Amino acid sequence: MNPADIRAFVRRDRAPVEEEKRAHWAEAYRERGPEETMLAAARMYEYARAVRPDFPTEADLAEDLAHQIAFKKQLMAIARALRASSLDGAASGPKPQRAQEHALPHVRRGE
């Protein structure tokens, strides 16, 4: 192997490759639906098991869970921020009706 070739490979611009991957999977999803991505995931899992029969290890599972928990916390923070901003905007406008009152205006609670 030529060290200069290895350095060139490591330093190459990865943005075009990443964009091509996104475009490929977006098209695959549009044309063939979610089954296409599920099939790809299953194939990657099978390959990982062929290369590493112990996959996923307890450490892999723990790392995956940690990422999922962190992601969930981020989603919850976004949801709280969106709720807070919508409540701030609602303070100047009309109060929203409860779903029951809106859907069934002729029915009063407790009657």
Protein backbone atom coordinates (compact mmCIF):
# COMPACT_ATOMS: atom_id res chain seq x y z
CA MET A 1 0.00 0.00 0.00
CA ASN A 2 1.11 3.46 -0.81
CA PRO A 3 1.06 5.72 2.30
CA ALA A 4 0.20 8.76 0.17
CA ASP A 5 -2.89 6.96 -1.15
CA ILE A 6 -3.99 6.09 2.38
CA ARG A 7 -3.55 9.71 3.50
CA ALA A 8 -5.52 10.93 0.47
CA PHE A 9 -8.33 8.50 1.27
CA VAL A 10 -8.48 9.59 4.90
CA ARG A 11 -8.47 13.29 3.97
CA ARG A 12 -11.03 13.10 1.18
CA ASP A 13 -14.22 15.11 1.34
CA ARG A 14 -16.90 12.79 2.68
CA ALA A 15 -19.83 15.20 2.19
CA PRO A 16 -20.57 14.09 -1.41
CA VAL A 17 -20.58 10.43 -0.36
CA GLU A 18 -22.89 11.15 2.58
CA GLU A 19 -25.24 13.13 0.33
CA GLU A 20 -25.32 10.26 -2.18
CA LYS A 21 -26.20 7.83 0.62
CA ARG A 22 -29.03 10.07 1.85
CA ALA A 23 -30.36 10.44 -1.68
CA HIS A 24 -30.17 6.67 -2.28
CA TRP A 25 -32.09 5.76 0.88
CA ALA A 26 -34.65 8.53 0.39
CA GLU A 27 -35.36 7.23 -3.11
CA ALA A 28 -35.47 3.61 -1.90
CA TYR A 29 -37.97 4.57 0.81
CA ARG A 30 -40.14 6.56 -1.61
CA GLU A 31 -40.16 3.84 -4.27
CA ARG A 32 -40.25 0.67 -2.18
CA GLY A 33 -41.42 1.79 1.24
CA PRO A 34 -40.08 1.06 4.72
CA GLU A 35 -39.62 -2.63 3.91
CA GLU A 36 -36.53 -1.72 1.90
CA THR A 37 -34.79 -0.12 4.86
CA MET A 38 -35.88 -2.94 7.18
CA LEU A 39 -34.43 -5.49 4.76
CA ALA A 40 -31.15 -3.56 4.62
CA ALA A 41 -31.02 -3.45 8.43
CA ALA A 42 -31.64 -7.21 8.61
CA ARG A 43 -28.86 -7.85 6.11
CA MET A 44 -26.44 -5.65 8.05
CA TYR A 45 -27.33 -7.53 11.24
CA GLU A 46 -26.73 -10.88 9.52
CA TYR A 47 -23.37 -9.64 8.25
CA ALA A 48 -22.38 -8.38 11.70
CA ARG A 49 -23.28 -11.77 13.21
CA ALA A 50 -21.23 -13.54 10.51
CA VAL A 51 -18.19 -11.39 11.24
CA ARG A 52 -18.71 -11.26 15.02
CA PRO A 53 -20.85 -14.16 16.26
CA ASP A 54 -21.10 -12.57 19.72
CA PHE A 55 -22.77 -9.44 18.27
CA PRO A 56 -24.38 -7.65 19.96
CA THR A 57 -22.40 -7.95 23.17
CA GLU A 58 -23.66 -6.70 26.52
CA ALA A 59 -21.41 -3.66 26.03
CA ASP A 60 -22.94 -3.03 22.58
CA LEU A 61 -26.43 -3.22 24.04
CA ALA A 62 -25.53 -0.93 26.95
CA GLU A 63 -24.02 1.64 24.57
CA ASP A 64 -27.08 1.47 22.33
CA LEU A 65 -29.41 1.95 25.29
CA ALA A 66 -27.37 4.94 26.50
CA HIS A 67 -27.70 6.56 23.06
CA GLN A 68 -31.44 5.89 22.99
CA ILE A 69 -31.92 7.40 26.45
CA ALA A 70 -29.92 10.49 25.50
CA PHE A 71 -31.94 10.87 22.29
CA LYS A 72 -35.22 10.48 24.19
CA LYS A 73 -34.12 13.20 26.63
CA GLN A 74 -33.37 15.51 23.70
CA LEU A 75 -36.79 14.83 22.18
CA MET A 76 -38.48 15.49 25.51
CA ALA A 77 -36.59 18.78 25.89
CA ILE A 78 -37.69 19.83 22.40
CA ALA A 79 -41.30 18.90 23.18
CA ARG A 80 -41.19 20.94 26.42
CA ALA A 81 -39.73 23.92 24.58
CA LEU A 82 -42.39 23.71 21.86
CA ARG A 83 -45.17 23.45 24.43
CA ALA A 84 -43.76 26.40 26.36
CA SER A 85 -43.47 28.52 23.22
CA SER A 86 -47.01 27.63 22.12
CA LEU A 87 -48.32 28.52 25.59
CA ASP A 88 -46.47 31.84 25.46
CA GLY A 89 -48.07 32.61 22.11
CA ALA A 90 -51.49 31.54 23.37
CA ALA A 91 -51.34 34.01 26.26
CA SER A 92 -52.11 36.85 23.88
CA GLY A 93 -54.73 34.98 21.87
CA PRO A 94 -57.97 33.18 22.70
CA LYS A 95 -57.86 30.32 25.17
CA PRO A 96 -58.02 26.91 23.46
CA GLN A 97 -61.11 24.84 24.24
CA ARG A 98 -60.83 21.40 25.72
CA ALA A 99 -61.27 18.64 23.18
CA GLN A 100 -64.57 17.51 24.76
CA GLU A 101 -66.03 21.01 24.75
CA HIS A 102 -64.97 21.58 21.17
CA ALA A 103 -66.13 18.24 19.81
CA LEU A 104 -69.43 18.17 21.72
CA PRO A 105 -70.44 21.78 22.39
CA HIS A 106 -74.05 20.79 23.22
CA VAL A 107 -72.97 18.39 26.01
CA ARG A 108 -71.95 19.87 29.33
CA ARG A 109 -69.84 17.97 31.77
CA GLY A 110 -71.63 16.61 34.81
CA GLU A 111 -75.08 16.69 33.25
